[in-house]
């Protein structure tokens, strides 16, 4: 009897201990726990998140955050241009001093000029035209130059550069005529270019294949040889200026003396209105055919003022 009671007591104690070891049942969800955010995902799950789609050429290349693919990044707007142009009415004054010839004429016409720089310094282009007349008879001009090269990337905004190109122009009236074809033309210098600000200067030289310098109605000088000189130019938002000088060595024409040519221009713009003042200066010997082929030392000036519409 006593043994049976002992066995029963032992079984009761064993069942009670097992009941204490069982895990507690999950509590029923409440309204507060139902609205709580889910627990964060494990670290290994975050590491396996899908990668963003690769950049492609379908994105807008002019967007502020251009992410073109490597094979088509040339379409992105990372190489804008700095340009300025003025087109309108031009008033011009021509003066020639060639021995007994000392005369001045006034003319008026329709003219336009434009200049462009690539932001990376590789390309520079300019163009000019005029059509009109006055005291010197018919007056016209047509000029264009293109230079292509490379700028050493010292920084994003500045560095030394080298360009090679072509320069051709013809202009004048009955009192003064000048023409020139230069090919090739080499320019070496330093450039700072950022936004709408460009500053550059350097040396320039090239081969003059053909040209004429005719001061006065009877003056004549052929141009053929090499030229060398220098230039400085700049544009700061609404203001642009440039100055250049070249000496044309012509040992095989006339008496072999050089002809000097200096050019300068300054333009200011405000809104859609632009004003440009430009000038050219010539100095050199020329043959005066009206004086039994006499050779005279001459100087000539050509100054113009253009008022018109502008563009950037």
C-alpha atoms as a PDB file:
ATOM      1  CA  UNK A   1       0.000   0.000   0.000  1.00  0.00           C
ATOM      2  CA  UNK A   2       2.775   2.349   0.988  1.00  0.00           C
ATOM      3  CA  UNK A   3       4.714   1.464  -2.174  1.00  0.00           C
ATOM      4  CA  UNK A   4       1.729   2.268  -4.423  1.00  0.00           C
ATOM      5  CA  UNK A   5       1.337   5.728  -2.834  1.00  0.00           C
ATOM      6  CA  UNK A   6       5.046   6.458  -3.353  1.00  0.00           C
ATOM      7  CA  UNK A   7       4.896   5.578  -7.095  1.00  0.00           C
ATOM      8  CA  UNK A   8       1.825   7.766  -7.659  1.00  0.00           C
ATOM      9  CA  UNK A   9       3.444  10.762  -5.923  1.00  0.00           C
ATOM     10  CA  UNK A  10       6.561  10.381  -8.101  1.00  0.00           C
ATOM     11  CA  UNK A  11       4.500  10.406 -11.339  1.00  0.00           C
ATOM     12  CA  UNK A  12       2.623  13.571 -10.237  1.00  0.00           C
ATOM     13  CA  UNK A  13       5.881  15.450  -9.540  1.00  0.00           C
ATOM     14  CA  UNK A  14       7.325  14.398 -12.961  1.00  0.00           C
ATOM     15  CA  UNK A  15       4.257  15.645 -14.925  1.00  0.00           C
ATOM     16  CA  UNK A  16       4.344  19.006 -13.080  1.00  0.00           C
ATOM     17  CA  UNK A  17       8.034  19.562 -14.007  1.00  0.00           C
ATOM     18  CA  UNK A  18       7.358  18.821 -17.723  1.00  0.00           C
ATOM     19  CA  UNK A  19       4.474  21.263 -17.737  1.00  0.00           C
ATOM     20  CA  UNK A  20       6.819  24.018 -16.382  1.00  0.00           C
ATOM     21  CA  UNK A  21       9.341  23.334 -19.237  1.00  0.00           C
ATOM     22  CA  UNK A  22       6.787  23.816 -22.045  1.00  0.00           C
ATOM     23  CA  UNK A  23       7.116  27.179 -23.942  1.00  0.00           C
ATOM     24  CA  UNK A  24       4.388  29.735 -23.324  1.00  0.00           C
ATOM     25  CA  UNK A  25       1.647  30.059 -25.889  1.00  0.00           C
ATOM     26  CA  UNK A  26       1.815  33.188 -28.103  1.00  0.00           C
ATOM     27  CA  UNK A  27      -0.289  36.069 -26.881  1.00  0.00           C
ATOM     28  CA  UNK A  28      -3.258  37.110 -28.935  1.00  0.00           C
ATOM     29  CA  UNK A  29      -2.535  40.173 -31.127  1.00  0.00           C
ATOM     30  CA  UNK A  30      -3.784  43.489 -29.849  1.00  0.00           C
ATOM     31  CA  UNK A  31      -4.809  46.577 -31.897  1.00  0.00           C
ATOM     32  CA  UNK A  32      -1.505  48.374 -31.066  1.00  0.00           C
ATOM     33  CA  UNK A  33       0.670  45.445 -32.144  1.00  0.00           C
ATOM     34  CA  UNK A  34      -1.323  44.991 -35.367  1.00  0.00           C
ATOM     35  CA  UNK A  35      -0.454  48.557 -36.480  1.00  0.00           C
ATOM     36  CA  UNK A  36       3.251  48.293 -35.571  1.00  0.00           C
ATOM     37  CA  UNK A  37       5.754  48.248 -38.569  1.00  0.00           C
ATOM     38  CA  UNK A  38       7.198  44.867 -39.518  1.00  0.00           C
ATOM     39  CA  UNK A  39      10.649  44.036 -38.144  1.00  0.00           C
ATOM     40  CA  UNK A  40      13.642  44.954 -40.358  1.00  0.00           C
ATOM     41  CA  UNK A  41      14.829  42.376 -42.829  1.00  0.00           C
ATOM     42  CA  UNK A  42      17.999  40.478 -42.039  1.00  0.00           C
ATOM     43  CA  UNK A  43      21.304  42.010 -43.194  1.00  0.00           C
ATOM     44  CA  UNK A  44      21.858  39.314 -45.807  1.00  0.00           C
ATOM     45  CA  UNK A  45      18.473  40.122 -47.381  1.00  0.00           C
ATOM     46  CA  UNK A  46      19.383  43.832 -47.680  1.00  0.00           C
ATOM     47  CA  UNK A  47      22.691  42.984 -49.343  1.00  0.00           C
ATOM     48  CA  UNK A  48      20.820  41.045 -52.021  1.00  0.00           C
ATOM     49  CA  UNK A  49      18.619  44.021 -53.047  1.00  0.00           C
ATOM     50  CA  UNK A  50      18.357  44.374 -56.859  1.00  0.00           C
ATOM     51  CA  UNK A  51      20.852  46.825 -58.448  1.00  0.00           C
ATOM     52  CA  UNK A  52      19.523  49.972 -60.195  1.00  0.00           C
ATOM     53  CA  UNK A  53      19.110  49.710 -63.961  1.00  0.00           C
ATOM     54  CA  UNK A  54      22.247  50.460 -65.984  1.00  0.00           C
ATOM     55  CA  UNK A  55      22.568  53.859 -67.643  1.00  0.00           C
ATOM     56  CA  UNK A  56      21.592  53.958 -71.286  1.00  0.00           C
ATOM     57  CA  UNK A  57      21.453  56.335 -74.237  1.00  0.00           C
ATOM     58  CA  UNK A  58      17.725  56.789 -73.764  1.00  0.00           C
ATOM     59  CA  UNK A  59      18.144  59.259 -70.912  1.00  0.00           C
ATOM     60  CA  UNK A  60      17.818  62.958 -71.617  1.00  0.00           C
ATOM     61  CA  UNK A  61      21.397  64.062 -72.490  1.00  0.00           C
ATOM     62  CA  UNK A  62      20.577  67.645 -71.472  1.00  0.00           C
ATOM     63  CA  UNK A  63      19.241  66.760 -68.034  1.00  0.00           C
ATOM     64  CA  UNK A  64      20.971  68.271 -65.019  1.00  0.00           C
ATOM     65  CA  UNK A  65      22.013  64.770 -63.888  1.00  0.00           C
ATOM     66  CA  UNK A  66      23.178  63.255 -67.138  1.00  0.00           C
ATOM     67  CA  UNK A  67      24.178  59.604 -66.670  1.00  0.00           C
ATOM     68  CA  UNK A  68      24.669  58.410 -70.222  1.00  0.00           C
ATOM     69  CA  UNK A  69      26.299  55.088 -70.846  1.00  0.00           C
ATOM     70  CA  UNK A  70      30.027  55.194 -71.536  1.00  0.00           C
ATOM     71  CA  UNK A  71      29.556  54.525 -75.251  1.00  0.00           C
ATOM     72  CA  UNK A  72      27.301  57.536 -75.756  1.00  0.00           C
ATOM     73  CA  UNK A  73      28.424  60.100 -73.183  1.00  0.00           C
ATOM     74  CA  UNK A  74      29.342  62.377 -76.086  1.00  0.00           C
ATOM     75  CA  UNK A  75      25.632  63.180 -76.324  1.00  0.00           C
ATOM     76  CA  UNK A  76      25.594  64.659 -72.823  1.00  0.00           C
ATOM     77  CA  UNK A  77      25.620  68.409 -72.359  1.00  0.00           C
ATOM     78  CA  UNK A  78      29.144  68.469 -70.881  1.00  0.00           C
ATOM     79  CA  UNK A  79      30.614  70.408 -73.832  1.00  0.00           C
ATOM     80  CA  UNK A  80      28.491  73.528 -74.325  1.00  0.00           C
ATOM     81  CA  UNK A  81      29.632  76.496 -76.356  1.00  0.00           C
ATOM     82  CA  UNK A  82      30.225  80.155 -75.643  1.00  0.00           C
ATOM     83  CA  UNK A  83      29.070  82.319 -78.519  1.00  0.00           C
ATOM     84  CA  UNK A  84      27.992  85.873 -79.242  1.00  0.00           C
ATOM     85  CA  UNK A  85      26.719  87.515 -82.413  1.00  0.00           C
ATOM     86  CA  UNK A  86      25.540  90.985 -83.453  1.00  0.00           C
ATOM     87  CA  UNK A  87      23.669  91.722 -86.696  1.00  0.00           C
ATOM     88  CA  UNK A  88      22.423  95.153 -87.754  1.00  0.00           C
ATOM     89  CA  UNK A  89      23.320  98.492 -89.324  1.00  0.00           C
ATOM     90  CA  UNK A  90      26.996  99.347 -89.686  1.00  0.00           C
ATOM     91  CA  UNK A  91      28.598 102.765 -90.087  1.00  0.00           C
ATOM     92  CA  UNK A  92      32.184 102.741 -91.411  1.00  0.00           C
ATOM     93  CA  UNK A  93      35.017 105.212 -91.912  1.00  0.00           C
ATOM     94  CA  UNK A  94      38.000 104.511 -94.194  1.00  0.00           C
ATOM     95  CA  UNK A  95      41.201 106.578 -94.234  1.00  0.00           C
ATOM     96  CA  UNK A  96      44.290 106.115 -96.443  1.00  0.00           C
ATOM     97  CA  UNK A  97      47.572 108.005 -96.342  1.00  0.00           C
ATOM     98  CA  UNK A  98      49.791 106.993 -99.280  1.00  0.00           C
ATOM     99  CA  UNK A  99      52.060 109.846-100.271  1.00  0.00           C
ATOM    100  CA  UNK A 100      50.033 112.313-102.303  1.00  0.00           C
ATOM    101  CA  UNK A 101      46.882 110.309-101.563  1.00  0.00           C
ATOM    102  CA  UNK A 102      45.335 111.321 -98.234  1.00  0.00           C
ATOM    103  CA  UNK A 103      41.615 110.673 -98.301  1.00  0.00           C
ATOM    104  CA  UNK A 104      38.707 109.636 -96.055  1.00  0.00           C
ATOM    105  CA  UNK A 105      35.346 108.102 -96.953  1.00  0.00           C
ATOM    106  CA  UNK A 106      32.172 107.271 -95.008  1.00  0.00           C
ATOM    107  CA  UNK A 107      29.880 104.332 -95.719  1.00  0.00           C
ATOM    108  CA  UNK A 108      26.886 102.503 -94.315  1.00  0.00           C
ATOM    109  CA  UNK A 109      25.599  98.973 -94.757  1.00  0.00           C
ATOM    110  CA  UNK A 110      24.088  95.848 -93.274  1.00  0.00           C
ATOM    111  CA  UNK A 111      26.577  93.717 -91.327  1.00  0.00           C
ATOM    112  CA  UNK A 112      26.856  90.816 -88.932  1.00  0.00           C
ATOM    113  CA  UNK A 113      29.564  89.115 -86.876  1.00  0.00           C
ATOM    114  CA  UNK A 114      29.646  85.952 -84.760  1.00  0.00           C
ATOM    115  CA  UNK A 115      32.236  84.139 -82.653  1.00  0.00           C
ATOM    116  CA  UNK A 116      32.063  80.730 -80.955  1.00  0.00           C
ATOM    117  CA  UNK A 117      34.262  78.781 -78.530  1.00  0.00           C
ATOM    118  CA  UNK A 118      33.808  75.135 -77.552  1.00  0.00           C
ATOM    119  CA  UNK A 119      33.809  74.747 -73.759  1.00  0.00           C
ATOM    120  CA  UNK A 120      36.622  72.177 -73.810  1.00  0.00           C
ATOM    121  CA  UNK A 121      38.888  74.557 -75.760  1.00  0.00           C
ATOM    122  CA  UNK A 122      39.150  72.372 -78.864  1.00  0.00           C
ATOM    123  CA  UNK A 123      37.349  74.563 -81.417  1.00  0.00           C
ATOM    124  CA  UNK A 124      37.120  78.252 -82.227  1.00  0.00           C
ATOM    125  CA  UNK A 125      35.206  79.813 -85.116  1.00  0.00           C
ATOM    126  CA  UNK A 126      34.316  83.310 -86.280  1.00  0.00           C
ATOM    127  CA  UNK A 127      32.528  84.913 -89.202  1.00  0.00           C
ATOM    128  CA  UNK A 128      31.812  88.397 -90.537  1.00  0.00           C
ATOM    129  CA  UNK A 129      29.951  89.966 -93.459  1.00  0.00           C
ATOM    130  CA  UNK A 130      28.961  93.429 -94.684  1.00  0.00           C
ATOM    131  CA  UNK A 131      27.055  94.757 -97.687  1.00  0.00           C
ATOM    132  CA  UNK A 132      26.675  98.487 -98.300  1.00  0.00           C
ATOM    133  CA  UNK A 133      28.243 101.549 -99.859  1.00  0.00           C
ATOM    134  CA  UNK A 134      28.999 105.231 -99.504  1.00  0.00           C
ATOM    135  CA  UNK A 135      31.553 107.810-100.579  1.00  0.00           C
ATOM    136  CA  UNK A 136      34.007 105.038-101.421  1.00  0.00           C
ATOM    137  CA  UNK A 137      31.565 103.325-103.780  1.00  0.00           C
ATOM    138  CA  UNK A 138      30.401  99.781-103.183  1.00  0.00           C
ATOM    139  CA  UNK A 139      31.589  98.445 -99.823  1.00  0.00           C
ATOM    140  CA  UNK A 140      31.533  94.845 -98.721  1.00  0.00           C
ATOM    141  CA  UNK A 141      33.234  92.245 -96.570  1.00  0.00           C
ATOM    142  CA  UNK A 142      33.247  88.485 -96.126  1.00  0.00           C
ATOM    143  CA  UNK A 143      35.495  86.726 -93.612  1.00  0.00           C
ATOM    144  CA  UNK A 144      35.576  83.412 -91.798  1.00  0.00           C
ATOM    145  CA  UNK A 145      38.040  81.407 -89.694  1.00  0.00           C
ATOM    146  CA  UNK A 146      37.924  77.941 -88.139  1.00  0.00           C
ATOM    147  CA  UNK A 147      40.512  76.454 -85.756  1.00  0.00           C
ATOM    148  CA  UNK A 148      40.464  72.939 -84.295  1.00  0.00           C
ATOM    149  CA  UNK A 149      42.893  71.558 -81.727  1.00  0.00           C
ATOM    150  CA  UNK A 150      43.366  70.354 -78.169  1.00  0.00           C
ATOM    151  CA  UNK A 151      43.622  71.914 -74.711  1.00  0.00           C
ATOM    152  CA  UNK A 152      45.763  70.179 -72.085  1.00  0.00           C
ATOM    153  CA  UNK A 153      43.438  69.433 -69.116  1.00  0.00           C
ATOM    154  CA  UNK A 154      45.401  71.217 -66.396  1.00  0.00           C
ATOM    155  CA  UNK A 155      41.974  71.802 -64.853  1.00  0.00           C
ATOM    156  CA  UNK A 156      38.366  71.801 -66.002  1.00  0.00           C
ATOM    157  CA  UNK A 157      38.454  75.551 -66.676  1.00  0.00           C
ATOM    158  CA  UNK A 158      41.906  76.376 -68.055  1.00  0.00           C
ATOM    159  CA  UNK A 159      45.059  75.071 -69.671  1.00  0.00           C
ATOM    160  CA  UNK A 160      47.452  75.457 -72.623  1.00  0.00           C
ATOM    161  CA  UNK A 161      46.073  74.755 -76.073  1.00  0.00           C
ATOM    162  CA  UNK A 162      47.123  74.305 -79.666  1.00  0.00           C
ATOM    163  CA  UNK A 163      44.926  74.750 -82.735  1.00  0.00           C
ATOM    164  CA  UNK A 164      45.333  74.496 -86.485  1.00  0.00           C
ATOM    165  CA  UNK A 165      42.918  76.008 -88.986  1.00  0.00           C
ATOM    166  CA  UNK A 166      42.189  78.342 -91.864  1.00  0.00           C
ATOM    167  CA  UNK A 167      41.509  82.078 -92.150  1.00  0.00           C
ATOM    168  CA  UNK A 168      40.069  83.749 -95.244  1.00  0.00           C
ATOM    169  CA  UNK A 169      38.818  87.307 -95.744  1.00  0.00           C
ATOM    170  CA  UNK A 170      38.169  89.983 -98.325  1.00  0.00           C
ATOM    171  CA  UNK A 171      36.885  93.479 -97.601  1.00  0.00           C
ATOM    172  CA  UNK A 172      37.046  97.042 -98.776  1.00  0.00           C
ATOM    173  CA  UNK A 173      35.826  99.726-101.146  1.00  0.00           C
ATOM    174  CA  UNK A 174      37.313 101.897-103.886  1.00  0.00           C
ATOM    175  CA  UNK A 175      39.711 103.575-101.424  1.00  0.00           C
ATOM    176  CA  UNK A 176      41.000 100.513 -99.543  1.00  0.00           C
ATOM    177  CA  UNK A 177      40.921  96.799-100.332  1.00  0.00           C
ATOM    178  CA  UNK A 178      42.394  93.887 -98.364  1.00  0.00           C
ATOM    179  CA  UNK A 179      42.199  90.133 -98.986  1.00  0.00           C
ATOM    180  CA  UNK A 180      44.008  87.135 -97.566  1.00  0.00           C
ATOM    181  CA  UNK A 181      43.881  83.341 -97.575  1.00  0.00           C
ATOM    182  CA  UNK A 182      45.887  81.713 -94.778  1.00  0.00           C
ATOM    183  CA  UNK A 183      46.279  77.951 -94.735  1.00  0.00           C
ATOM    184  CA  UNK A 184      47.353  76.394 -92.478  1.00  0.00           C
ATOM    185  CA  UNK A 185      47.197  78.676 -89.433  1.00  0.00           C
ATOM    186  CA  UNK A 186      48.693  77.561 -86.122  1.00  0.00           C
ATOM    187  CA  UNK A 187      47.700  79.044 -82.741  1.00  0.00           C
ATOM    188  CA  UNK A 188      49.385  78.294 -79.406  1.00  0.00           C
ATOM    189  CA  UNK A 189      48.302  79.826 -76.121  1.00  0.00           C
ATOM    190  CA  UNK A 190      46.541  79.553 -72.770  1.00  0.00           C
ATOM    191  CA  UNK A 191      42.786  79.580 -72.253  1.00  0.00           C
ATOM    192  CA  UNK A 192      40.415  80.019 -69.321  1.00  0.00           C
ATOM    193  CA  UNK A 193      36.834  79.124 -70.187  1.00  0.00           C
ATOM    194  CA  UNK A 194      33.934  78.543 -67.802  1.00  0.00           C
ATOM    195  CA  UNK A 195      30.244  79.256 -68.297  1.00  0.00           C
ATOM    196  CA  UNK A 196      29.973  82.439 -70.369  1.00  0.00           C
ATOM    197  CA  UNK A 197      33.468  83.629 -69.470  1.00  0.00           C
ATOM    198  CA  UNK A 198      36.421  83.042 -71.791  1.00  0.00           C
ATOM    199  CA  UNK A 199      39.909  84.536 -71.661  1.00  0.00           C
ATOM    200  CA  UNK A 200      42.765  83.463 -73.910  1.00  0.00           C
ATOM    201  CA  UNK A 201      45.959  84.718 -75.468  1.00  0.00           C
ATOM    202  CA  UNK A 202      48.969  83.424 -77.330  1.00  0.00           C
ATOM    203  CA  UNK A 203      51.012  83.387 -80.517  1.00  0.00           C
ATOM    204  CA  UNK A 204      49.855  82.712 -84.031  1.00  0.00           C
ATOM    205  CA  UNK A 205      51.442  82.102 -87.417  1.00  0.00           C
ATOM    206  CA  UNK A 206      50.774  80.575 -90.813  1.00  0.00           C
ATOM    207  CA  UNK A 207      51.225  80.551 -94.559  1.00  0.00           C
ATOM    208  CA  UNK A 208      49.643  83.331 -96.664  1.00  0.00           C
ATOM    209  CA  UNK A 209      48.832  81.587 -99.921  1.00  0.00           C
ATOM    210  CA  UNK A 210      47.510  84.697-101.650  1.00  0.00           C
ATOM    211  CA  UNK A 211      46.307  88.179-100.834  1.00  0.00           C
ATOM    212  CA  UNK A 212      46.182  91.866-101.769  1.00  0.00           C
ATOM    213  CA  UNK A 213      46.723  95.157 -99.965  1.00  0.00           C
ATOM    214  CA  UNK A 214      45.466  98.040-102.162  1.00  0.00           C
ATOM    215  CA  UNK A 215      45.698 101.475-100.471  1.00  0.00           C
ATOM    216  CA  UNK A 216      44.181 104.245-102.605  1.00  0.00           C
ATOM    217  CA  UNK A 217      42.602 103.843-106.004  1.00  0.00           C
ATOM    218  CA  UNK A 218      45.986 103.191-107.669  1.00  0.00           C
ATOM    219  CA  UNK A 219      47.871 101.428-104.861  1.00  0.00           C
ATOM    220  CA  UNK A 220      48.727  97.735-105.166  1.00  0.00           C
ATOM    221  CA  UNK A 221      50.694  95.200-103.107  1.00  0.00           C
ATOM    222  CA  UNK A 222      50.538  91.448-103.517  1.00  0.00           C
ATOM    223  CA  UNK A 223      50.747  89.358-100.351  1.00  0.00           C
ATOM    224  CA  UNK A 224      52.425  85.975-100.375  1.00  0.00           C
ATOM    225  CA  UNK A 225      54.616  84.431 -97.697  1.00  0.00           C
ATOM    226  CA  UNK A 226      54.331  83.765 -93.976  1.00  0.00           C
ATOM    227  CA  UNK A 227      52.765  85.714 -91.127  1.00  0.00           C
ATOM    228  CA  UNK A 228      53.453  85.703 -87.409  1.00  0.00           C
ATOM    229  CA  UNK A 229      51.985  87.600 -84.480  1.00  0.00           C
ATOM    230  CA  UNK A 230      49.923  87.366 -81.334  1.00  0.00           C
ATOM    231  CA  UNK A 231      46.387  87.702 -80.005  1.00  0.00           C
ATOM    232  CA  UNK A 232      44.350  88.227 -76.850  1.00  0.00           C
ATOM    233  CA  UNK A 233      40.586  87.864 -76.519  1.00  0.00           C
ATOM    234  CA  UNK A 234      37.944  87.624 -73.838  1.00  0.00           C
ATOM    235  CA  UNK A 235      34.241  87.470 -73.142  1.00  0.00           C
ATOM    236  CA  UNK A 236      32.623  88.138 -69.765  1.00  0.00           C
ATOM    237  CA  UNK A 237      28.882  87.608 -69.936  1.00  0.00           C
ATOM    238  CA  UNK A 238      27.677  90.724 -71.811  1.00  0.00           C
ATOM    239  CA  UNK A 239      31.073  92.062 -72.979  1.00  0.00           C
ATOM    240  CA  UNK A 240      33.517  90.713 -75.574  1.00  0.00           C
ATOM    241  CA  UNK A 241      36.843  92.102 -76.790  1.00  0.00           C
ATOM    242  CA  UNK A 242      39.722  90.853 -78.907  1.00  0.00           C
ATOM    243  CA  UNK A 243      42.957  92.256 -80.278  1.00  0.00           C
ATOM    244  CA  UNK A 244      45.417  90.717 -82.733  1.00  0.00           C
ATOM    245  CA  UNK A 245      48.539  91.679 -84.640  1.00  0.00           C
ATOM    246  CA  UNK A 246      50.330  89.988 -87.514  1.00  0.00           C
ATOM    247  CA  UNK A 247      53.355  90.786 -89.626  1.00  0.00           C
ATOM    248  CA  UNK A 248      53.134  89.429 -93.160  1.00  0.00           C
ATOM    249  CA  UNK A 249      56.595  88.627 -94.492  1.00  0.00           C
ATOM    250  CA  UNK A 250      56.538  89.090 -98.274  1.00  0.00           C
ATOM    251  CA  UNK A 251      60.167  88.797 -99.460  1.00  0.00           C
ATOM    252  CA  UNK A 252      59.182  87.930-103.032  1.00  0.00           C
ATOM    253  CA  UNK A 253      56.718  90.761-103.707  1.00  0.00           C
ATOM    254  CA  UNK A 254      57.571  94.355-104.578  1.00  0.00           C
ATOM    255  CA  UNK A 255      60.611  95.464-102.510  1.00  0.00           C
ATOM    256  CA  UNK A 256      60.345  92.572-100.024  1.00  0.00           C
ATOM    257  CA  UNK A 257      59.356  94.683 -96.997  1.00  0.00           C
ATOM    258  CA  UNK A 258      56.721  93.317 -94.561  1.00  0.00           C
ATOM    259  CA  UNK A 259      53.126  94.473 -94.203  1.00  0.00           C
ATOM    260  CA  UNK A 260      51.707  94.915 -90.696  1.00  0.00           C
ATOM    261  CA  UNK A 261      48.024  94.324 -89.925  1.00  0.00           C
ATOM    262  CA  UNK A 262      46.351  94.962 -86.557  1.00  0.00           C
ATOM    263  CA  UNK A 263      42.726  94.195 -85.730  1.00  0.00           C
ATOM    264  CA  UNK A 264      40.595  95.004 -82.704  1.00  0.00           C
ATOM    265  CA  UNK A 265      36.967  94.675 -81.657  1.00  0.00           C
ATOM    266  CA  UNK A 266      34.826  95.298 -78.593  1.00  0.00           C
ATOM    267  CA  UNK A 267      31.139  94.349 -78.304  1.00  0.00           C
ATOM    268  CA  UNK A 268      28.602  95.016 -75.572  1.00  0.00           C
ATOM    269  CA  UNK A 269      25.145  93.476 -75.351  1.00  0.00           C
ATOM    270  CA  UNK A 270      22.081  94.206 -73.272  1.00  0.00           C
ATOM    271  CA  UNK A 271      19.032  92.034 -73.728  1.00  0.00           C
ATOM    272  CA  UNK A 272      18.527  91.710 -77.477  1.00  0.00           C
ATOM    273  CA  UNK A 273      20.480  94.865 -78.367  1.00  0.00           C
ATOM    274  CA  UNK A 274      24.171  94.738 -79.241  1.00  0.00           C
ATOM    275  CA  UNK A 275      26.805  97.325 -80.161  1.00  0.00           C
ATOM    276  CA  UNK A 276      30.180  96.506 -81.709  1.00  0.00           C
ATOM    277  CA  UNK A 277      33.108  98.823 -82.401  1.00  0.00           C
ATOM    278  CA  UNK A 278      35.877  97.384 -84.567  1.00  0.00           C
ATOM    279  CA  UNK A 279      38.879  98.594 -86.495  1.00  0.00           C
ATOM    280  CA  UNK A 280      41.827  97.564 -88.669  1.00  0.00           C
ATOM    281  CA  UNK A 281      45.206  99.241 -89.150  1.00  0.00           C
ATOM    282  CA  UNK A 282      47.567  98.604 -92.083  1.00  0.00           C
ATOM    283  CA  UNK A 283      51.148  99.708 -92.608  1.00  0.00           C
ATOM    284  CA  UNK A 284      53.401  98.759 -95.516  1.00  0.00           C
ATOM    285  CA  UNK A 285      54.882  99.739 -98.836  1.00  0.00           C
ATOM    286  CA  UNK A 286      52.736  99.686-101.957  1.00  0.00           C
ATOM    287  CA  UNK A 287      53.191 100.411-105.634  1.00  0.00           C
ATOM    288  CA  UNK A 288      51.390 103.575-106.764  1.00  0.00           C
ATOM    289  CA  UNK A 289      50.695 102.839-110.429  1.00  0.00           C
ATOM    290  CA  UNK A 290      49.434 106.357-111.129  1.00  0.00           C
ATOM    291  CA  UNK A 291      52.927 107.712-110.345  1.00  0.00           C
ATOM    292  CA  UNK A 292      54.969 105.720-112.853  1.00  0.00           C
ATOM    293  CA  UNK A 293      55.179 102.681-110.551  1.00  0.00           C
ATOM    294  CA  UNK A 294      56.499 104.649-107.558  1.00  0.00           C
ATOM    295  CA  UNK A 295      56.753 102.773-104.269  1.00  0.00           C
ATOM    296  CA  UNK A 296      55.224 104.596-101.316  1.00  0.00           C
ATOM    297  CA  UNK A 297      55.092 103.925 -97.603  1.00  0.00           C
ATOM    298  CA  UNK A 298      51.400 103.796 -96.658  1.00  0.00           C
ATOM    299  CA  UNK A 299      49.141 103.608 -93.628  1.00  0.00           C
ATOM    300  CA  UNK A 300      45.426 102.816 -93.715  1.00  0.00           C
ATOM    301  CA  UNK A 301      42.640 102.654 -91.124  1.00  0.00           C
ATOM    302  CA  UNK A 302      39.211 101.099 -91.320  1.00  0.00           C
ATOM    303  CA  UNK A 303      36.800 101.688 -88.399  1.00  0.00           C
ATOM    304  CA  UNK A 304      33.180 100.579 -88.052  1.00  0.00           C
ATOM    305  CA  UNK A 305      30.286 100.720 -85.593  1.00  0.00           C
ATOM    306  CA  UNK A 306      27.511  98.101 -85.747  1.00  0.00           C
ATOM    307  CA  UNK A 307      24.202  98.430 -83.887  1.00  0.00           C
ATOM    308  CA  UNK A 308      21.726  95.591 -84.052  1.00  0.00           C
ATOM    309  CA  UNK A 309      20.274  92.448 -82.555  1.00  0.00           C
ATOM    310  CA  UNK A 310      22.380  90.008 -80.605  1.00  0.00           C
ATOM    311  CA  UNK A 311      22.380  86.333 -79.774  1.00  0.00           C
ATOM    312  CA  UNK A 312      24.230  84.064 -77.337  1.00  0.00           C
END
